[in-house]
N, C-alpha and C. Protein backbone atom coordinates (compact mmCIF):
# COMPACT_ATOMS: atom_id res chain seq x y z
N MET A 1 -9.40 -4.28 -15.73
CA MET A 1 -9.47 -3.67 -14.40
C MET A 1 -8.27 -2.76 -14.12
N GLN A 2 -7.47 -2.47 -15.15
CA GLN A 2 -6.23 -1.76 -14.94
C GLN A 2 -6.43 -0.41 -14.26
N ASP A 3 -7.50 0.30 -14.62
CA ASP A 3 -7.71 1.64 -14.08
C ASP A 3 -8.67 1.65 -12.89
N HIS A 4 -9.28 0.50 -12.60
CA HIS A 4 -10.20 0.42 -11.47
C HIS A 4 -9.44 0.04 -10.20
N ILE A 5 -9.97 0.46 -9.08
CA ILE A 5 -9.28 0.30 -7.80
C ILE A 5 -10.02 -0.69 -6.93
N CYS A 6 -9.27 -1.59 -6.32
CA CYS A 6 -9.80 -2.45 -5.27
C CYS A 6 -9.41 -1.82 -3.93
N TYR A 7 -10.40 -1.33 -3.20
CA TYR A 7 -10.16 -0.73 -1.88
C TYR A 7 -10.28 -1.82 -0.82
N ILE A 8 -9.29 -1.90 0.05
CA ILE A 8 -9.32 -2.83 1.17
C ILE A 8 -9.23 -2.01 2.45
N VAL A 9 -10.19 -2.21 3.32
CA VAL A 9 -10.22 -1.46 4.58
C VAL A 9 -10.08 -2.44 5.73
N GLY A 10 -9.00 -2.28 6.50
CA GLY A 10 -8.72 -3.17 7.61
C GLY A 10 -9.16 -2.58 8.93
N ALA A 11 -8.86 -3.32 10.00
CA ALA A 11 -9.33 -2.96 11.34
C ALA A 11 -8.34 -2.09 12.10
N GLY A 12 -7.25 -1.66 11.45
CA GLY A 12 -6.26 -0.83 12.13
C GLY A 12 -6.76 0.60 12.31
N GLU A 13 -5.84 1.50 12.59
CA GLU A 13 -6.21 2.90 12.80
C GLU A 13 -6.88 3.48 11.55
N ASN A 14 -8.00 4.17 11.75
CA ASN A 14 -8.70 4.81 10.65
C ASN A 14 -8.28 6.28 10.59
N TYR A 15 -7.44 6.61 9.62
CA TYR A 15 -6.95 7.98 9.49
C TYR A 15 -7.75 8.77 8.46
N GLU A 16 -8.94 8.34 8.14
CA GLU A 16 -9.88 8.97 7.22
C GLU A 16 -9.94 8.18 5.92
N LEU A 17 -11.14 7.70 5.63
CA LEU A 17 -11.41 7.05 4.35
C LEU A 17 -11.78 8.15 3.35
N ASP A 18 -10.78 8.71 2.72
CA ASP A 18 -10.99 9.89 1.89
C ASP A 18 -11.09 9.56 0.41
N PHE A 19 -11.51 8.33 0.11
CA PHE A 19 -11.58 7.96 -1.30
C PHE A 19 -12.99 8.12 -1.85
N LEU A 20 -13.07 8.28 -3.16
CA LEU A 20 -14.34 8.42 -3.88
C LEU A 20 -14.48 7.21 -4.79
N ILE A 21 -15.50 6.40 -4.56
CA ILE A 21 -15.68 5.17 -5.31
C ILE A 21 -16.28 5.49 -6.67
N ARG A 22 -15.66 4.93 -7.72
CA ARG A 22 -16.15 5.10 -9.08
C ARG A 22 -16.76 3.79 -9.57
N SER A 23 -17.49 3.87 -10.67
CA SER A 23 -18.03 2.67 -11.28
C SER A 23 -16.89 1.73 -11.66
N GLY A 24 -16.99 0.49 -11.27
CA GLY A 24 -15.95 -0.49 -11.57
C GLY A 24 -14.99 -0.72 -10.43
N ASP A 25 -14.99 0.16 -9.42
CA ASP A 25 -14.16 -0.08 -8.24
C ASP A 25 -14.81 -1.16 -7.35
N TYR A 26 -14.03 -1.67 -6.42
CA TYR A 26 -14.50 -2.77 -5.57
C TYR A 26 -14.03 -2.51 -4.15
N VAL A 27 -14.90 -2.68 -3.18
CA VAL A 27 -14.58 -2.39 -1.78
C VAL A 27 -14.66 -3.66 -0.96
N ILE A 28 -13.56 -3.98 -0.30
CA ILE A 28 -13.49 -5.16 0.56
C ILE A 28 -13.27 -4.72 2.00
N ALA A 29 -14.12 -5.19 2.90
CA ALA A 29 -13.91 -5.00 4.33
C ALA A 29 -13.13 -6.19 4.86
N ALA A 30 -11.94 -5.94 5.37
CA ALA A 30 -11.14 -7.00 5.99
C ALA A 30 -11.45 -7.01 7.48
N ASP A 31 -12.29 -7.94 7.88
CA ASP A 31 -12.68 -8.12 9.28
C ASP A 31 -13.23 -6.81 9.86
N GLY A 32 -12.62 -6.30 10.94
CA GLY A 32 -13.13 -5.12 11.63
C GLY A 32 -13.10 -3.85 10.83
N GLY A 33 -12.50 -3.88 9.64
CA GLY A 33 -12.56 -2.73 8.75
C GLY A 33 -13.98 -2.39 8.35
N LEU A 34 -14.88 -3.36 8.52
CA LEU A 34 -16.29 -3.11 8.23
C LEU A 34 -16.84 -1.96 9.07
N ILE A 35 -16.40 -1.85 10.31
CA ILE A 35 -16.88 -0.77 11.18
C ILE A 35 -16.47 0.58 10.62
N HIS A 36 -15.23 0.70 10.14
CA HIS A 36 -14.78 1.97 9.54
C HIS A 36 -15.65 2.33 8.34
N LEU A 37 -15.97 1.34 7.52
CA LEU A 37 -16.81 1.61 6.35
C LEU A 37 -18.22 2.02 6.76
N GLN A 38 -18.77 1.32 7.73
CA GLN A 38 -20.12 1.65 8.19
C GLN A 38 -20.18 3.06 8.76
N ASN A 39 -19.15 3.45 9.51
CA ASN A 39 -19.13 4.79 10.08
C ASN A 39 -19.06 5.87 9.00
N LYS A 40 -18.51 5.52 7.86
CA LYS A 40 -18.39 6.47 6.75
C LYS A 40 -19.57 6.36 5.80
N GLY A 41 -20.41 5.35 5.98
CA GLY A 41 -21.55 5.17 5.10
C GLY A 41 -21.19 4.57 3.76
N ILE A 42 -20.11 3.78 3.74
CA ILE A 42 -19.65 3.15 2.51
C ILE A 42 -20.03 1.66 2.54
N MET A 43 -20.65 1.19 1.48
CA MET A 43 -21.06 -0.20 1.39
C MET A 43 -19.89 -1.08 0.94
N ALA A 44 -19.71 -2.21 1.59
CA ALA A 44 -18.68 -3.16 1.19
C ALA A 44 -19.26 -4.13 0.15
N ASP A 45 -18.49 -4.40 -0.89
CA ASP A 45 -18.88 -5.41 -1.87
C ASP A 45 -18.60 -6.82 -1.35
N LEU A 46 -17.60 -6.92 -0.46
CA LEU A 46 -17.21 -8.21 0.10
C LEU A 46 -16.71 -7.98 1.52
N ILE A 47 -17.06 -8.88 2.43
CA ILE A 47 -16.52 -8.89 3.78
C ILE A 47 -15.75 -10.18 3.95
N ILE A 48 -14.48 -10.08 4.37
CA ILE A 48 -13.65 -11.26 4.51
C ILE A 48 -12.87 -11.18 5.82
N GLY A 49 -12.68 -12.30 6.48
CA GLY A 49 -11.89 -12.31 7.70
C GLY A 49 -12.21 -13.50 8.58
N ASP A 50 -11.45 -13.61 9.67
CA ASP A 50 -11.76 -14.62 10.68
C ASP A 50 -12.64 -14.04 11.77
N PHE A 51 -12.95 -12.74 11.65
CA PHE A 51 -13.89 -12.01 12.49
C PHE A 51 -13.52 -12.05 13.98
N ASP A 52 -12.21 -11.89 14.21
CA ASP A 52 -11.74 -11.80 15.60
C ASP A 52 -11.78 -10.36 16.10
N SER A 53 -12.03 -9.39 15.20
CA SER A 53 -12.10 -7.99 15.62
C SER A 53 -13.53 -7.43 15.48
N LEU A 54 -14.49 -8.32 15.34
CA LEU A 54 -15.90 -7.94 15.34
C LEU A 54 -16.64 -8.75 16.40
N PRO A 55 -17.68 -8.19 17.01
CA PRO A 55 -18.38 -8.93 18.06
C PRO A 55 -19.10 -10.17 17.54
N GLN A 56 -19.44 -10.17 16.25
CA GLN A 56 -20.11 -11.33 15.67
C GLN A 56 -19.95 -11.29 14.16
N ILE A 57 -20.20 -12.40 13.51
CA ILE A 57 -20.12 -12.43 12.05
C ILE A 57 -21.25 -11.57 11.49
N PRO A 58 -20.92 -10.61 10.64
CA PRO A 58 -21.95 -9.69 10.15
C PRO A 58 -22.90 -10.36 9.17
N SER A 59 -24.02 -9.71 8.96
CA SER A 59 -24.99 -10.17 7.97
C SER A 59 -24.72 -9.43 6.66
N HIS A 60 -24.39 -10.18 5.63
CA HIS A 60 -24.06 -9.59 4.34
C HIS A 60 -24.23 -10.66 3.27
N SER A 61 -24.54 -10.24 2.05
CA SER A 61 -24.77 -11.21 0.97
C SER A 61 -23.50 -11.82 0.42
N ASN A 62 -22.34 -11.23 0.76
CA ASN A 62 -21.07 -11.72 0.20
C ASN A 62 -20.02 -11.74 1.30
N ILE A 63 -19.90 -12.87 1.98
CA ILE A 63 -18.99 -13.02 3.11
C ILE A 63 -18.09 -14.23 2.89
N ILE A 64 -16.82 -14.06 3.21
CA ILE A 64 -15.89 -15.19 3.26
C ILE A 64 -15.38 -15.30 4.69
N ASN A 65 -15.70 -16.40 5.33
CA ASN A 65 -15.33 -16.63 6.73
C ASN A 65 -14.05 -17.46 6.76
N LEU A 66 -12.97 -16.85 7.17
CA LEU A 66 -11.67 -17.52 7.20
C LEU A 66 -11.44 -18.23 8.52
N ASP A 67 -10.67 -19.27 8.47
CA ASP A 67 -10.29 -19.98 9.69
C ASP A 67 -9.31 -19.11 10.49
N LYS A 68 -9.42 -19.14 11.79
CA LYS A 68 -8.52 -18.33 12.63
C LYS A 68 -7.08 -18.83 12.56
N ASP A 69 -6.89 -20.12 12.35
CA ASP A 69 -5.54 -20.69 12.24
C ASP A 69 -5.18 -20.78 10.76
N LYS A 70 -4.46 -19.76 10.29
CA LYS A 70 -4.11 -19.69 8.88
C LYS A 70 -2.72 -19.08 8.73
N ASP A 71 -2.17 -19.20 7.53
CA ASP A 71 -0.81 -18.75 7.27
C ASP A 71 -0.73 -17.36 6.65
N TYR A 72 -1.86 -16.66 6.53
CA TYR A 72 -1.88 -15.36 5.88
C TYR A 72 -2.84 -14.44 6.63
N THR A 73 -2.66 -13.15 6.43
CA THR A 73 -3.49 -12.17 7.12
C THR A 73 -4.81 -11.97 6.38
N ASP A 74 -5.77 -11.34 7.07
CA ASP A 74 -7.03 -11.00 6.42
C ASP A 74 -6.80 -10.07 5.23
N THR A 75 -5.86 -9.14 5.37
CA THR A 75 -5.57 -8.21 4.28
C THR A 75 -5.04 -8.95 3.06
N LEU A 76 -4.11 -9.88 3.27
CA LEU A 76 -3.58 -10.63 2.14
C LEU A 76 -4.66 -11.50 1.49
N ALA A 77 -5.53 -12.06 2.32
CA ALA A 77 -6.66 -12.82 1.77
C ALA A 77 -7.54 -11.92 0.91
N ALA A 78 -7.75 -10.68 1.35
CA ALA A 78 -8.53 -9.73 0.57
C ALA A 78 -7.84 -9.40 -0.75
N ILE A 79 -6.52 -9.28 -0.72
CA ILE A 79 -5.77 -9.03 -1.95
C ILE A 79 -5.95 -10.19 -2.92
N TYR A 80 -5.86 -11.41 -2.43
CA TYR A 80 -6.08 -12.58 -3.29
C TYR A 80 -7.45 -12.53 -3.96
N GLU A 81 -8.46 -12.14 -3.18
CA GLU A 81 -9.81 -12.06 -3.73
C GLU A 81 -9.90 -10.98 -4.80
N GLY A 82 -9.30 -9.82 -4.52
CA GLY A 82 -9.31 -8.75 -5.52
C GLY A 82 -8.58 -9.16 -6.79
N ARG A 83 -7.44 -9.82 -6.61
CA ARG A 83 -6.69 -10.27 -7.79
C ARG A 83 -7.50 -11.28 -8.61
N SER A 84 -8.22 -12.17 -7.92
CA SER A 84 -9.02 -13.17 -8.64
C SER A 84 -10.12 -12.53 -9.48
N LYS A 85 -10.50 -11.30 -9.13
CA LYS A 85 -11.52 -10.58 -9.89
C LYS A 85 -10.92 -9.68 -10.95
N GLY A 86 -9.60 -9.73 -11.10
CA GLY A 86 -8.94 -8.99 -12.16
C GLY A 86 -8.35 -7.66 -11.77
N TYR A 87 -8.42 -7.29 -10.50
CA TYR A 87 -7.87 -6.00 -10.07
C TYR A 87 -6.35 -6.06 -9.94
N LYS A 88 -5.72 -4.98 -10.34
CA LYS A 88 -4.26 -4.88 -10.25
C LYS A 88 -3.81 -3.65 -9.46
N LEU A 89 -4.77 -2.84 -9.03
CA LEU A 89 -4.47 -1.63 -8.28
C LEU A 89 -5.23 -1.68 -6.95
N PHE A 90 -4.49 -1.62 -5.84
CA PHE A 90 -5.06 -1.80 -4.52
C PHE A 90 -4.73 -0.62 -3.62
N TYR A 91 -5.76 -0.06 -2.98
CA TYR A 91 -5.59 0.99 -1.98
C TYR A 91 -5.99 0.38 -0.63
N ILE A 92 -5.06 0.39 0.32
CA ILE A 92 -5.29 -0.26 1.61
C ILE A 92 -5.38 0.80 2.70
N TYR A 93 -6.52 0.85 3.38
CA TYR A 93 -6.76 1.75 4.50
C TYR A 93 -6.95 0.91 5.77
N GLY A 94 -6.73 1.54 6.93
CA GLY A 94 -6.88 0.81 8.17
C GLY A 94 -5.87 -0.32 8.30
N GLY A 95 -4.74 -0.16 7.67
CA GLY A 95 -3.71 -1.20 7.68
C GLY A 95 -2.43 -0.76 8.33
N ALA A 96 -2.42 0.44 8.91
CA ALA A 96 -1.22 0.96 9.57
C ALA A 96 -1.63 1.53 10.92
N GLY A 97 -0.67 1.65 11.81
CA GLY A 97 -0.98 2.09 13.17
C GLY A 97 -1.47 0.92 14.00
N GLY A 98 -1.64 1.12 15.27
CA GLY A 98 -2.06 0.01 16.13
C GLY A 98 -0.95 -1.01 16.27
N ARG A 99 -1.26 -2.27 16.03
CA ARG A 99 -0.26 -3.32 16.18
C ARG A 99 0.82 -3.22 15.11
N ILE A 100 2.08 -3.11 15.56
CA ILE A 100 3.19 -2.93 14.63
C ILE A 100 3.36 -4.15 13.74
N ASP A 101 3.04 -5.36 14.25
CA ASP A 101 3.21 -6.55 13.43
C ASP A 101 2.25 -6.54 12.24
N HIS A 102 1.04 -6.03 12.45
CA HIS A 102 0.09 -5.93 11.33
C HIS A 102 0.55 -4.89 10.32
N THR A 103 1.11 -3.78 10.80
CA THR A 103 1.63 -2.78 9.87
C THR A 103 2.74 -3.35 9.00
N ILE A 104 3.68 -4.08 9.63
CA ILE A 104 4.77 -4.69 8.87
C ILE A 104 4.22 -5.70 7.88
N ALA A 105 3.23 -6.50 8.29
CA ALA A 105 2.63 -7.48 7.39
C ALA A 105 2.01 -6.79 6.19
N ASN A 106 1.39 -5.64 6.39
CA ASN A 106 0.77 -4.92 5.28
C ASN A 106 1.80 -4.27 4.37
N ILE A 107 2.92 -3.86 4.92
CA ILE A 107 4.02 -3.38 4.07
C ILE A 107 4.53 -4.52 3.21
N GLN A 108 4.63 -5.71 3.79
CA GLN A 108 5.03 -6.88 2.99
C GLN A 108 4.00 -7.17 1.91
N ALA A 109 2.73 -6.95 2.21
CA ALA A 109 1.68 -7.17 1.21
C ALA A 109 1.85 -6.22 0.03
N VAL A 110 2.22 -4.98 0.31
CA VAL A 110 2.48 -4.01 -0.76
C VAL A 110 3.65 -4.47 -1.62
N ALA A 111 4.69 -5.02 -0.98
CA ALA A 111 5.83 -5.55 -1.73
C ALA A 111 5.40 -6.75 -2.58
N PHE A 112 4.54 -7.60 -2.01
CA PHE A 112 4.01 -8.75 -2.76
C PHE A 112 3.32 -8.29 -4.04
N LEU A 113 2.51 -7.25 -3.93
CA LEU A 113 1.82 -6.73 -5.10
C LEU A 113 2.81 -6.26 -6.15
N SER A 114 3.82 -5.51 -5.73
CA SER A 114 4.81 -4.99 -6.67
C SER A 114 5.55 -6.13 -7.37
N GLN A 115 5.93 -7.13 -6.62
CA GLN A 115 6.70 -8.24 -7.20
C GLN A 115 5.85 -9.11 -8.12
N ASN A 116 4.52 -8.96 -8.06
CA ASN A 116 3.63 -9.71 -8.93
C ASN A 116 2.94 -8.82 -9.96
N LYS A 117 3.64 -7.74 -10.32
CA LYS A 117 3.21 -6.83 -11.39
C LYS A 117 1.85 -6.19 -11.12
N MET A 118 1.60 -5.91 -9.84
CA MET A 118 0.44 -5.14 -9.44
C MET A 118 0.91 -3.93 -8.66
N ARG A 119 -0.02 -3.09 -8.23
CA ARG A 119 0.36 -1.86 -7.53
C ARG A 119 -0.45 -1.74 -6.25
N GLY A 120 0.23 -1.43 -5.16
CA GLY A 120 -0.45 -1.26 -3.89
C GLY A 120 -0.02 0.01 -3.18
N TYR A 121 -0.99 0.64 -2.51
CA TYR A 121 -0.71 1.82 -1.69
C TYR A 121 -1.32 1.60 -0.32
N LEU A 122 -0.50 1.73 0.70
CA LEU A 122 -0.93 1.60 2.10
C LEU A 122 -0.94 3.00 2.71
N PHE A 123 -2.11 3.41 3.19
CA PHE A 123 -2.29 4.78 3.69
C PHE A 123 -2.23 4.81 5.21
N ASP A 124 -1.35 5.64 5.76
CA ASP A 124 -1.39 5.88 7.21
C ASP A 124 -1.84 7.32 7.42
N GLN A 125 -1.58 7.88 8.58
CA GLN A 125 -2.14 9.20 8.90
C GLN A 125 -1.66 10.29 7.95
N SER A 126 -0.37 10.32 7.67
CA SER A 126 0.18 11.41 6.85
C SER A 126 0.90 10.92 5.61
N TYR A 127 1.19 9.63 5.55
CA TYR A 127 2.04 9.11 4.50
C TYR A 127 1.39 7.97 3.74
N VAL A 128 1.92 7.74 2.55
CA VAL A 128 1.56 6.59 1.73
C VAL A 128 2.79 5.70 1.61
N ILE A 129 2.58 4.40 1.69
CA ILE A 129 3.66 3.43 1.53
C ILE A 129 3.37 2.61 0.28
N THR A 130 4.34 2.55 -0.62
CA THR A 130 4.20 1.74 -1.82
C THR A 130 5.50 1.00 -2.08
N ALA A 131 5.56 0.27 -3.19
CA ALA A 131 6.77 -0.48 -3.53
C ALA A 131 6.95 -0.47 -5.04
N ILE A 132 8.19 -0.52 -5.46
CA ILE A 132 8.50 -0.68 -6.88
C ILE A 132 9.49 -1.82 -7.05
N THR A 133 9.38 -2.52 -8.16
CA THR A 133 10.27 -3.64 -8.46
C THR A 133 10.78 -3.50 -9.89
N ASN A 134 12.08 -3.35 -10.04
CA ASN A 134 12.72 -3.28 -11.36
C ASN A 134 12.08 -2.21 -12.25
N GLU A 135 11.89 -1.02 -11.70
CA GLU A 135 11.23 0.05 -12.44
C GLU A 135 11.57 1.39 -11.81
N SER A 136 10.92 2.44 -12.31
CA SER A 136 11.13 3.79 -11.78
C SER A 136 9.80 4.40 -11.36
N ILE A 137 9.83 5.17 -10.28
CA ILE A 137 8.68 5.96 -9.84
C ILE A 137 9.08 7.43 -9.93
N CYS A 138 8.19 8.26 -10.48
CA CYS A 138 8.50 9.67 -10.70
C CYS A 138 7.49 10.54 -9.96
N PHE A 139 7.96 11.68 -9.48
CA PHE A 139 7.13 12.60 -8.72
C PHE A 139 7.15 13.97 -9.37
N ASN A 140 5.99 14.61 -9.37
CA ASN A 140 5.84 15.95 -9.91
C ASN A 140 6.60 16.97 -9.05
N SER A 141 7.00 18.07 -9.68
CA SER A 141 7.78 19.09 -8.98
C SER A 141 7.01 19.76 -7.84
N SER A 142 5.68 19.64 -7.83
CA SER A 142 4.89 20.28 -6.77
C SER A 142 4.90 19.50 -5.46
N CYS A 143 5.48 18.30 -5.45
CA CYS A 143 5.56 17.53 -4.21
C CYS A 143 6.51 18.19 -3.22
N SER A 144 6.18 18.08 -1.95
CA SER A 144 7.04 18.63 -0.90
C SER A 144 7.01 17.71 0.31
N GLY A 145 8.01 17.86 1.17
CA GLY A 145 8.08 17.04 2.38
C GLY A 145 9.13 15.96 2.27
N TYR A 146 9.04 15.00 3.16
CA TYR A 146 10.02 13.92 3.24
C TYR A 146 9.60 12.71 2.42
N ILE A 147 10.58 12.04 1.86
CA ILE A 147 10.38 10.79 1.16
C ILE A 147 11.51 9.84 1.56
N SER A 148 11.16 8.59 1.84
CA SER A 148 12.17 7.63 2.27
C SER A 148 12.12 6.38 1.40
N ILE A 149 13.28 5.78 1.23
CA ILE A 149 13.45 4.61 0.37
C ILE A 149 14.15 3.51 1.17
N PHE A 150 13.57 2.32 1.17
CA PHE A 150 14.15 1.18 1.88
C PHE A 150 14.19 -0.02 0.95
N SER A 151 15.21 -0.84 1.10
CA SER A 151 15.27 -2.06 0.32
C SER A 151 14.43 -3.14 1.00
N CYS A 152 13.53 -3.73 0.23
CA CYS A 152 12.79 -4.90 0.72
C CYS A 152 13.55 -6.17 0.38
N SER A 153 14.27 -6.15 -0.73
CA SER A 153 15.12 -7.27 -1.11
C SER A 153 16.35 -7.30 -0.21
N ASP A 154 17.02 -8.45 -0.14
CA ASP A 154 18.29 -8.50 0.57
C ASP A 154 19.22 -7.41 0.05
N LYS A 155 19.26 -7.30 -1.27
CA LYS A 155 20.00 -6.22 -1.92
C LYS A 155 19.17 -5.69 -3.08
N SER A 156 19.07 -4.38 -3.17
CA SER A 156 18.44 -3.74 -4.32
C SER A 156 19.56 -3.07 -5.12
N LYS A 157 19.72 -3.50 -6.37
CA LYS A 157 20.86 -3.06 -7.17
C LYS A 157 20.44 -2.03 -8.20
N GLY A 158 21.40 -1.21 -8.58
CA GLY A 158 21.14 -0.19 -9.59
C GLY A 158 20.15 0.85 -9.13
N VAL A 159 20.27 1.28 -7.87
CA VAL A 159 19.36 2.29 -7.33
C VAL A 159 19.90 3.68 -7.67
N SER A 160 19.05 4.48 -8.31
CA SER A 160 19.41 5.86 -8.63
C SER A 160 18.31 6.79 -8.11
N ILE A 161 18.71 7.90 -7.54
CA ILE A 161 17.78 8.90 -7.03
C ILE A 161 18.14 10.23 -7.68
N LYS A 162 17.18 10.81 -8.39
CA LYS A 162 17.41 12.07 -9.08
C LYS A 162 16.34 13.08 -8.68
N GLY A 163 16.72 14.34 -8.54
CA GLY A 163 15.78 15.40 -8.28
C GLY A 163 15.35 15.54 -6.82
N LEU A 164 15.95 14.78 -5.92
CA LEU A 164 15.71 14.93 -4.49
C LEU A 164 16.94 15.56 -3.84
N LYS A 165 16.83 15.91 -2.56
CA LYS A 165 17.93 16.58 -1.88
C LYS A 165 19.18 15.72 -1.86
N TYR A 166 19.01 14.42 -1.60
CA TYR A 166 20.15 13.50 -1.56
C TYR A 166 20.03 12.55 -2.76
N LYS A 167 21.09 12.47 -3.54
CA LYS A 167 21.07 11.72 -4.79
C LYS A 167 21.94 10.47 -4.70
N LEU A 168 21.59 9.49 -5.51
CA LEU A 168 22.39 8.28 -5.65
C LEU A 168 22.47 7.95 -7.13
N GLU A 169 23.52 7.24 -7.51
CA GLU A 169 23.68 6.82 -8.90
C GLU A 169 24.18 5.37 -8.93
N ASN A 170 23.34 4.49 -9.46
CA ASN A 170 23.70 3.08 -9.63
C ASN A 170 24.25 2.48 -8.33
N TYR A 171 23.51 2.64 -7.26
CA TYR A 171 23.94 2.25 -5.91
C TYR A 171 23.30 0.92 -5.53
N VAL A 172 23.92 0.22 -4.61
CA VAL A 172 23.36 -1.00 -4.05
C VAL A 172 22.91 -0.71 -2.62
N ILE A 173 21.59 -0.88 -2.36
CA ILE A 173 21.03 -0.70 -1.02
C ILE A 173 20.67 -2.06 -0.46
N ASN A 174 21.07 -2.32 0.78
CA ASN A 174 20.65 -3.58 1.40
C ASN A 174 19.56 -3.31 2.44
N ASN A 175 18.99 -4.40 2.95
CA ASN A 175 17.82 -4.25 3.83
C ASN A 175 18.18 -4.17 5.31
N THR A 176 19.45 -3.88 5.61
CA THR A 176 19.85 -3.73 7.01
C THR A 176 20.51 -2.39 7.29
N PHE A 177 20.55 -1.49 6.27
CA PHE A 177 21.15 -0.17 6.49
C PHE A 177 20.25 0.88 5.84
N PRO A 178 19.69 1.81 6.65
CA PRO A 178 18.66 2.73 6.15
C PRO A 178 19.22 3.99 5.50
N ILE A 179 20.02 3.82 4.46
CA ILE A 179 20.64 4.98 3.82
C ILE A 179 19.60 5.88 3.14
N GLY A 180 18.43 5.33 2.81
CA GLY A 180 17.45 6.11 2.06
C GLY A 180 16.43 6.84 2.91
N VAL A 181 16.60 6.85 4.23
CA VAL A 181 15.58 7.48 5.08
C VAL A 181 15.69 9.00 5.04
N SER A 182 14.55 9.67 5.13
CA SER A 182 14.46 11.13 5.28
C SER A 182 15.14 11.90 4.17
N ASN A 183 14.86 11.51 2.94
CA ASN A 183 15.23 12.36 1.82
C ASN A 183 14.16 13.45 1.70
N GLU A 184 14.37 14.41 0.80
CA GLU A 184 13.41 15.53 0.72
C GLU A 184 13.16 15.94 -0.72
N PHE A 185 11.90 16.32 -1.00
CA PHE A 185 11.59 16.95 -2.28
C PHE A 185 12.15 18.37 -2.28
N ILE A 186 12.59 18.83 -3.45
CA ILE A 186 13.22 20.15 -3.53
C ILE A 186 12.57 21.03 -4.61
N GLY A 187 11.36 20.70 -5.03
CA GLY A 187 10.64 21.56 -5.96
C GLY A 187 10.94 21.32 -7.42
N VAL A 188 11.54 20.17 -7.74
CA VAL A 188 11.77 19.81 -9.15
C VAL A 188 11.23 18.39 -9.36
N ASN A 189 11.04 18.02 -10.62
CA ASN A 189 10.63 16.65 -10.91
C ASN A 189 11.70 15.68 -10.39
N SER A 190 11.26 14.58 -9.82
CA SER A 190 12.21 13.64 -9.23
C SER A 190 11.89 12.22 -9.67
N MET A 191 12.90 11.35 -9.56
CA MET A 191 12.73 9.97 -10.00
C MET A 191 13.58 9.04 -9.14
N ILE A 192 13.01 7.89 -8.80
CA ILE A 192 13.72 6.83 -8.07
C ILE A 192 13.67 5.58 -8.93
N THR A 193 14.83 4.98 -9.17
CA THR A 193 14.92 3.81 -10.04
C THR A 193 15.60 2.67 -9.30
N VAL A 194 15.10 1.47 -9.49
CA VAL A 194 15.80 0.26 -9.05
C VAL A 194 15.84 -0.70 -10.23
N GLU A 195 17.02 -1.17 -10.57
CA GLU A 195 17.16 -2.05 -11.73
C GLU A 195 16.95 -3.51 -11.37
N ASP A 196 17.28 -3.89 -10.14
CA ASP A 196 17.15 -5.29 -9.73
C ASP A 196 16.82 -5.34 -8.24
N GLY A 197 15.55 -5.49 -7.93
CA GLY A 197 15.15 -5.56 -6.52
C GLY A 197 13.83 -4.85 -6.29
N THR A 198 13.42 -4.85 -5.03
CA THR A 198 12.17 -4.20 -4.63
C THR A 198 12.46 -3.15 -3.57
N LEU A 199 11.97 -1.93 -3.80
CA LEU A 199 12.12 -0.84 -2.85
C LEU A 199 10.78 -0.51 -2.22
N ILE A 200 10.78 -0.27 -0.92
CA ILE A 200 9.64 0.29 -0.22
C ILE A 200 9.84 1.80 -0.18
N ILE A 201 8.79 2.54 -0.54
CA ILE A 201 8.90 4.00 -0.62
C ILE A 201 7.76 4.63 0.17
N THR A 202 8.10 5.60 1.02
CA THR A 202 7.09 6.33 1.78
C THR A 202 7.14 7.80 1.37
N PHE A 203 5.96 8.40 1.19
CA PHE A 203 5.89 9.79 0.78
C PHE A 203 4.59 10.40 1.29
N PRO A 204 4.49 11.73 1.35
CA PRO A 204 3.29 12.37 1.90
C PRO A 204 2.03 12.05 1.11
N ARG A 205 0.91 11.95 1.79
CA ARG A 205 -0.36 11.63 1.14
C ARG A 205 -0.72 12.64 0.07
N LYS A 206 -0.33 13.89 0.25
CA LYS A 206 -0.68 14.93 -0.72
C LYS A 206 0.01 14.72 -2.07
N CYS A 207 1.00 13.81 -2.11
CA CYS A 207 1.72 13.56 -3.36
C CYS A 207 1.14 12.37 -4.13
N GLU A 208 0.15 11.70 -3.57
CA GLU A 208 -0.32 10.43 -4.14
C GLU A 208 -0.83 10.58 -5.56
N GLU A 209 -1.42 11.71 -5.90
CA GLU A 209 -1.94 11.90 -7.25
C GLU A 209 -0.94 12.57 -8.17
N LYS A 210 0.29 12.69 -7.74
CA LYS A 210 1.30 13.40 -8.54
C LYS A 210 2.46 12.48 -8.93
N ILE A 211 2.17 11.19 -9.08
CA ILE A 211 3.22 10.23 -9.39
C ILE A 211 2.89 9.49 -10.67
N TYR A 212 3.93 8.97 -11.32
CA TYR A 212 3.75 8.09 -12.46
C TYR A 212 4.95 7.15 -12.52
N TYR A 213 4.86 6.14 -13.37
CA TYR A 213 5.88 5.08 -13.39
C TYR A 213 6.42 4.91 -14.81
N ILE A 214 7.69 4.57 -14.88
CA ILE A 214 8.30 4.25 -16.18
C ILE A 214 9.18 3.01 -16.02
């Protein structure tokens, strides 16, 4: 499932479901995210949630009804289901905007994926949020706009930034000082590395297909 995508659509702000489903991909509606999918004419392979954002439990051949009193979000439950089916690449829509606590929870979910050797992308209106752990993310020279880097770990060590407007070399970033906010692409290939820790990275949606990892 390495090249196949598990799409998770939540009940948050819908900034456009602009994805094209391929053979082998899997679509999960997390609770009220089902409405976003229905409005786009996209069929869900699985519907999961406690259904507090839908008027009633939907009719579907593959439903997981979660208890309302639980220790995890509907989105994280959807990630668990995708992982159990072998998926390692997750695109999360409808998970940003609206309630700030849900947005933060979904950013944590992206970090969870990174720390467990999977990959997650959280899409908001203009930006993509992802995470890297003990690795490097590289961007093509055609990328433009702002890019920001935040430590998810208490301390992220060995952070280097190359090819962006503001550079770092073997730096330690902590999670209480936003030194990595509002960096900029400058028209050259760029790379962000963390040797020990997890970084949250935000970048323009138009750059999503212009990245690779080493």
